Amino acid sequence: MSEPDTGKFTFTATPLPGVAPQTRAFLFPPHSTLHRQFGFEPSSLNIFTNVQTLTSTNCFTFALDSLILVHCDRCDNRGDDILQDIGTDTNDKGVIVFSNPNTDLNSKVFKPS
């Protein structure tokens, strides 16, 4: 039986003579989004275990937001110019697939020219 795809990374460190595995870590500074690509919490210190591995605490993501807002200056949506919002509800954690399920429900009013 194979393990389920959790979207987490397991990092492996090569043992170094005289260096304890607990001294190896990933430190993600505040105000950085790099932690998202590795699957860790922001401003976190993540230390390798005695077996030289470290598994991310979260699913990794290469998309900074899980939602894309498509703006159009011709839309009149009660104060905003959002034509469509597109979510990342896919199995592949780095790909967005969009299909409009209901064009009548998702239609927008356009401003006159």
N, C-alpha and C. Protein backbone atom coordinates (compact mmCIF):
# COMPACT_ATOMS: atom_id res chain seq x y z
N MET A 1 0.85 -1.17 0.00
CA MET A 1 0.00 0.00 0.00
C MET A 1 0.90 1.24 0.00
N SER A 2 0.61 2.17 -0.85
CA SER A 2 1.40 3.39 -0.92
C SER A 2 0.80 4.45 0.00
N GLU A 3 1.64 5.37 0.43
CA GLU A 3 1.19 6.45 1.31
C GLU A 3 0.40 7.47 0.50
N PRO A 4 -0.59 8.12 1.13
CA PRO A 4 -1.37 9.13 0.41
C PRO A 4 -0.51 10.36 0.09
N ASP A 5 -0.87 11.04 -0.97
CA ASP A 5 -0.17 12.27 -1.34
C ASP A 5 -0.70 13.38 -0.46
N THR A 6 0.15 13.84 0.46
CA THR A 6 -0.26 14.88 1.41
C THR A 6 0.14 16.26 0.93
N GLY A 7 0.99 16.33 -0.10
CA GLY A 7 1.47 17.62 -0.55
C GLY A 7 2.59 18.17 0.31
N LYS A 8 3.10 17.34 1.21
CA LYS A 8 4.20 17.76 2.09
C LYS A 8 5.52 17.25 1.54
N PHE A 9 6.58 18.01 1.82
CA PHE A 9 7.94 17.60 1.45
C PHE A 9 8.60 16.94 2.65
N THR A 10 9.44 15.95 2.36
CA THR A 10 10.35 15.42 3.38
C THR A 10 11.75 15.73 2.91
N PHE A 11 12.47 16.49 3.72
CA PHE A 11 13.83 16.90 3.40
C PHE A 11 14.79 15.96 4.12
N THR A 12 15.87 15.59 3.45
CA THR A 12 16.87 14.71 4.03
C THR A 12 18.22 15.41 4.02
N ALA A 13 18.90 15.37 5.16
CA ALA A 13 20.22 15.98 5.28
C ALA A 13 21.27 14.88 5.30
N THR A 14 22.35 15.09 4.59
CA THR A 14 23.46 14.15 4.60
C THR A 14 24.22 14.31 5.91
N PRO A 15 24.48 13.20 6.62
CA PRO A 15 25.21 13.31 7.88
C PRO A 15 26.60 13.90 7.67
N LEU A 16 26.98 14.78 8.57
CA LEU A 16 28.31 15.37 8.55
C LEU A 16 29.06 14.95 9.81
N PRO A 17 30.30 14.51 9.69
CA PRO A 17 31.05 14.10 10.87
C PRO A 17 31.18 15.25 11.87
N GLY A 18 30.83 14.97 13.11
CA GLY A 18 30.98 15.96 14.17
C GLY A 18 29.88 17.00 14.24
N VAL A 19 28.86 16.90 13.40
CA VAL A 19 27.76 17.87 13.42
C VAL A 19 26.47 17.15 13.82
N ALA A 20 25.88 17.59 14.91
CA ALA A 20 24.64 16.97 15.39
C ALA A 20 23.50 17.34 14.45
N PRO A 21 22.60 16.39 14.18
CA PRO A 21 21.49 16.68 13.27
C PRO A 21 20.58 17.79 13.78
N GLN A 22 20.52 17.97 15.12
CA GLN A 22 19.64 19.00 15.67
C GLN A 22 20.14 20.41 15.38
N THR A 23 21.38 20.53 14.90
CA THR A 23 21.90 21.86 14.59
C THR A 23 21.54 22.29 13.17
N ARG A 24 20.92 21.42 12.41
CA ARG A 24 20.48 21.75 11.06
C ARG A 24 19.01 22.12 11.10
N ALA A 25 18.70 23.22 10.45
CA ALA A 25 17.32 23.70 10.53
C ALA A 25 17.00 24.60 9.36
N PHE A 26 15.71 24.79 9.13
CA PHE A 26 15.20 25.81 8.22
C PHE A 26 14.61 26.91 9.09
N LEU A 27 15.11 28.11 8.91
CA LEU A 27 14.59 29.27 9.63
C LEU A 27 13.97 30.21 8.61
N PHE A 28 12.70 30.50 8.78
CA PHE A 28 11.99 31.38 7.86
C PHE A 28 11.74 32.71 8.56
N PRO A 29 12.34 33.78 8.04
CA PRO A 29 12.21 35.08 8.71
C PRO A 29 10.82 35.68 8.56
N PRO A 30 10.49 36.62 9.45
CA PRO A 30 9.21 37.33 9.31
C PRO A 30 9.18 38.12 8.00
N HIS A 31 8.03 38.39 7.50
CA HIS A 31 7.82 39.20 6.29
C HIS A 31 8.36 38.51 5.04
N SER A 32 8.52 37.19 5.07
CA SER A 32 8.97 36.44 3.90
C SER A 32 7.89 35.43 3.55
N THR A 33 7.71 35.17 2.26
CA THR A 33 6.72 34.15 1.85
C THR A 33 7.39 32.84 1.45
N LEU A 34 8.69 32.75 1.65
CA LEU A 34 9.43 31.54 1.26
C LEU A 34 8.94 30.30 2.00
N HIS A 35 8.44 30.47 3.22
CA HIS A 35 7.95 29.34 4.01
C HIS A 35 6.84 28.59 3.28
N ARG A 36 6.05 29.28 2.47
CA ARG A 36 4.92 28.64 1.78
C ARG A 36 5.41 27.65 0.73
N GLN A 37 6.51 27.97 0.04
CA GLN A 37 7.03 27.07 -0.98
C GLN A 37 7.64 25.81 -0.38
N PHE A 38 8.07 25.88 0.88
CA PHE A 38 8.64 24.72 1.55
C PHE A 38 7.62 23.99 2.43
N GLY A 39 6.46 24.61 2.66
CA GLY A 39 5.40 23.96 3.44
C GLY A 39 5.51 24.15 4.94
N PHE A 40 6.05 25.29 5.39
CA PHE A 40 6.19 25.54 6.81
C PHE A 40 5.40 26.78 7.23
N GLU A 41 5.34 26.99 8.52
CA GLU A 41 4.66 28.16 9.08
C GLU A 41 5.54 29.40 8.91
N PRO A 42 4.93 30.59 8.84
CA PRO A 42 5.74 31.81 8.77
C PRO A 42 6.50 32.03 10.07
N SER A 43 7.66 32.66 9.96
CA SER A 43 8.50 32.98 11.14
C SER A 43 8.77 31.74 11.98
N SER A 44 9.06 30.61 11.35
CA SER A 44 9.24 29.37 12.10
C SER A 44 10.68 28.86 12.02
N LEU A 45 11.08 28.13 13.06
CA LEU A 45 12.36 27.43 13.10
C LEU A 45 12.03 25.95 13.04
N ASN A 46 12.54 25.25 12.03
CA ASN A 46 12.21 23.84 11.80
C ASN A 46 13.50 23.04 11.82
N ILE A 47 13.63 22.15 12.82
CA ILE A 47 14.88 21.44 13.09
C ILE A 47 14.78 20.00 12.59
N PHE A 48 15.87 19.54 11.97
CA PHE A 48 15.94 18.17 11.50
C PHE A 48 15.96 17.21 12.70
N THR A 49 15.42 16.00 12.50
CA THR A 49 15.36 15.00 13.56
C THR A 49 16.67 14.21 13.62
N ASN A 50 16.73 13.28 14.58
CA ASN A 50 17.92 12.44 14.72
C ASN A 50 18.16 11.56 13.50
N VAL A 51 17.15 11.31 12.71
CA VAL A 51 17.32 10.47 11.52
C VAL A 51 17.59 11.30 10.28
N GLN A 52 17.97 12.56 10.48
CA GLN A 52 18.39 13.45 9.40
C GLN A 52 17.27 13.84 8.45
N THR A 53 16.00 13.78 8.89
CA THR A 53 14.90 14.17 8.02
C THR A 53 14.07 15.27 8.68
N LEU A 54 13.36 15.97 7.84
CA LEU A 54 12.45 17.03 8.28
C LEU A 54 11.29 17.03 7.31
N THR A 55 10.08 16.86 7.82
CA THR A 55 8.88 16.88 6.98
C THR A 55 8.15 18.19 7.20
N SER A 56 7.73 18.81 6.10
CA SER A 56 7.03 20.09 6.22
C SER A 56 5.74 19.91 7.01
N THR A 57 5.35 20.96 7.71
CA THR A 57 4.14 20.90 8.54
C THR A 57 2.87 21.15 7.74
N ASN A 58 3.01 21.79 6.60
CA ASN A 58 1.86 22.11 5.75
C ASN A 58 2.11 21.60 4.34
N CYS A 59 1.06 21.63 3.56
CA CYS A 59 1.17 21.34 2.14
C CYS A 59 1.97 22.47 1.49
N PHE A 60 2.93 22.12 0.65
CA PHE A 60 3.70 23.16 -0.04
C PHE A 60 2.83 23.81 -1.11
N THR A 61 3.14 25.05 -1.43
CA THR A 61 2.43 25.74 -2.49
C THR A 61 3.36 26.72 -3.17
N PHE A 62 3.27 26.77 -4.47
CA PHE A 62 4.06 27.72 -5.23
C PHE A 62 3.20 28.90 -5.67
N ALA A 63 1.91 28.84 -5.38
CA ALA A 63 1.01 29.95 -5.66
C ALA A 63 0.88 30.76 -4.38
N LEU A 64 1.11 32.05 -4.46
CA LEU A 64 1.05 32.87 -3.25
C LEU A 64 -0.37 33.02 -2.74
N ASP A 65 -1.35 32.96 -3.59
CA ASP A 65 -2.74 33.03 -3.17
C ASP A 65 -3.49 31.86 -3.77
N SER A 66 -4.49 31.37 -3.02
CA SER A 66 -5.29 30.27 -3.53
C SER A 66 -6.48 30.75 -4.33
N LEU A 67 -6.49 32.05 -4.65
CA LEU A 67 -7.58 32.62 -5.41
C LEU A 67 -7.03 33.69 -6.33
N ILE A 68 -7.48 33.67 -7.55
CA ILE A 68 -7.12 34.72 -8.51
C ILE A 68 -8.37 35.54 -8.77
N LEU A 69 -8.23 36.85 -8.69
CA LEU A 69 -9.33 37.75 -9.01
C LEU A 69 -9.05 38.39 -10.36
N VAL A 70 -9.93 38.16 -11.32
CA VAL A 70 -9.79 38.74 -12.65
C VAL A 70 -10.55 40.07 -12.65
N HIS A 71 -9.83 41.16 -12.82
CA HIS A 71 -10.42 42.50 -12.81
C HIS A 71 -10.68 42.97 -14.24
N CYS A 72 -11.73 43.77 -14.39
CA CYS A 72 -12.06 44.35 -15.68
C CYS A 72 -12.68 45.73 -15.43
N ASP A 73 -12.12 46.75 -16.06
CA ASP A 73 -12.64 48.10 -15.83
C ASP A 73 -14.02 48.32 -16.44
N ARG A 74 -14.53 47.34 -17.15
CA ARG A 74 -15.87 47.46 -17.75
C ARG A 74 -16.95 46.84 -16.86
N CYS A 75 -16.57 46.19 -15.74
CA CYS A 75 -17.56 45.58 -14.85
C CYS A 75 -18.16 46.60 -13.90
N ASP A 76 -19.42 46.40 -13.57
CA ASP A 76 -20.12 47.25 -12.62
C ASP A 76 -20.76 46.34 -11.58
N ASN A 77 -19.96 45.95 -10.59
CA ASN A 77 -20.41 44.98 -9.58
C ASN A 77 -20.60 45.63 -8.22
N ARG A 78 -21.42 46.62 -8.15
CA ARG A 78 -21.71 47.27 -6.87
C ARG A 78 -20.45 47.70 -6.14
N GLY A 79 -19.55 48.39 -6.85
CA GLY A 79 -18.40 48.97 -6.19
C GLY A 79 -17.06 48.31 -6.48
N ASP A 80 -17.04 47.14 -7.09
CA ASP A 80 -15.75 46.56 -7.45
C ASP A 80 -15.71 46.27 -8.95
N ASP A 81 -14.54 45.93 -9.43
CA ASP A 81 -14.38 45.65 -10.87
C ASP A 81 -13.95 44.21 -11.12
N ILE A 82 -14.41 43.29 -10.25
CA ILE A 82 -14.03 41.88 -10.38
C ILE A 82 -14.93 41.20 -11.40
N LEU A 83 -14.29 40.69 -12.45
CA LEU A 83 -15.02 39.96 -13.48
C LEU A 83 -15.29 38.53 -13.03
N GLN A 84 -14.27 37.88 -12.44
CA GLN A 84 -14.42 36.49 -12.02
C GLN A 84 -13.39 36.18 -10.95
N ASP A 85 -13.77 35.34 -9.97
CA ASP A 85 -12.78 34.81 -9.03
C ASP A 85 -12.55 33.35 -9.39
N ILE A 86 -11.28 32.95 -9.35
CA ILE A 86 -10.89 31.60 -9.76
C ILE A 86 -10.12 30.97 -8.61
N GLY A 87 -10.61 29.87 -8.08
CA GLY A 87 -9.96 29.18 -6.97
C GLY A 87 -9.03 28.08 -7.44
N THR A 88 -8.25 27.54 -6.49
CA THR A 88 -7.29 26.48 -6.81
C THR A 88 -7.77 25.15 -6.25
N ASP A 89 -8.95 24.76 -6.58
CA ASP A 89 -9.52 23.51 -6.08
C ASP A 89 -9.12 22.36 -7.01
N THR A 90 -7.84 22.00 -7.00
CA THR A 90 -7.35 20.93 -7.85
C THR A 90 -6.48 19.98 -7.04
N ASN A 91 -6.19 18.80 -7.58
CA ASN A 91 -5.30 17.86 -6.92
C ASN A 91 -3.85 18.29 -7.02
N ASP A 92 -3.48 18.91 -8.11
CA ASP A 92 -2.12 19.41 -8.27
C ASP A 92 -2.03 20.72 -7.52
N LYS A 93 -1.15 20.79 -6.54
CA LYS A 93 -1.12 21.94 -5.65
C LYS A 93 -0.54 23.19 -6.29
N GLY A 94 0.01 23.11 -7.49
CA GLY A 94 0.59 24.28 -8.13
C GLY A 94 -0.10 24.70 -9.41
N VAL A 95 -1.28 24.12 -9.71
CA VAL A 95 -1.97 24.40 -10.96
C VAL A 95 -3.40 24.84 -10.67
N ILE A 96 -3.85 25.83 -11.40
CA ILE A 96 -5.23 26.29 -11.27
C ILE A 96 -5.99 25.88 -12.53
N VAL A 97 -7.10 25.20 -12.34
CA VAL A 97 -7.97 24.81 -13.45
C VAL A 97 -9.31 25.50 -13.23
N PHE A 98 -9.84 26.12 -14.27
CA PHE A 98 -11.10 26.84 -14.12
C PHE A 98 -12.10 26.40 -15.17
N SER A 99 -13.31 26.16 -14.72
CA SER A 99 -14.43 25.89 -15.59
C SER A 99 -15.64 26.58 -14.97
N ASN A 100 -16.29 27.43 -15.74
CA ASN A 100 -17.43 28.17 -15.21
C ASN A 100 -18.64 27.22 -15.15
N PRO A 101 -19.08 26.85 -13.95
CA PRO A 101 -20.16 25.87 -13.83
C PRO A 101 -21.54 26.42 -14.16
N ASN A 102 -21.73 27.73 -14.03
CA ASN A 102 -23.04 28.30 -14.25
C ASN A 102 -22.88 29.72 -14.79
N THR A 103 -22.94 29.86 -16.08
CA THR A 103 -22.70 31.17 -16.69
C THR A 103 -23.79 32.18 -16.32
N ASP A 104 -25.01 31.73 -16.12
CA ASP A 104 -26.09 32.65 -15.74
C ASP A 104 -25.85 33.21 -14.34
N LEU A 105 -25.47 32.36 -13.41
CA LEU A 105 -25.23 32.78 -12.03
C LEU A 105 -24.00 33.65 -11.91
N ASN A 106 -22.99 33.42 -12.75
CA ASN A 106 -21.72 34.15 -12.66
C ASN A 106 -21.61 35.29 -13.66
N SER A 107 -22.69 35.64 -14.31
CA SER A 107 -22.62 36.74 -15.28
C SER A 107 -22.49 38.06 -14.56
N LYS A 108 -21.90 39.04 -15.24
CA LYS A 108 -21.66 40.37 -14.68
C LYS A 108 -22.31 41.44 -15.55
N VAL A 109 -22.64 42.55 -14.93
CA VAL A 109 -23.17 43.71 -15.64
C VAL A 109 -21.99 44.56 -16.09
N PHE A 110 -21.98 44.96 -17.34
CA PHE A 110 -20.91 45.80 -17.86
C PHE A 110 -21.38 47.25 -17.91
N LYS A 111 -20.44 48.16 -17.68
CA LYS A 111 -20.72 49.60 -17.76
C LYS A 111 -20.92 50.00 -19.21
N PRO A 112 -21.77 50.95 -19.46
CA PRO A 112 -21.91 51.43 -20.84
C PRO A 112 -20.63 52.15 -21.26
N SER A 113 -20.34 52.10 -22.55
CA SER A 113 -19.09 52.72 -23.04
C SER A 113 -19.15 54.20 -23.11
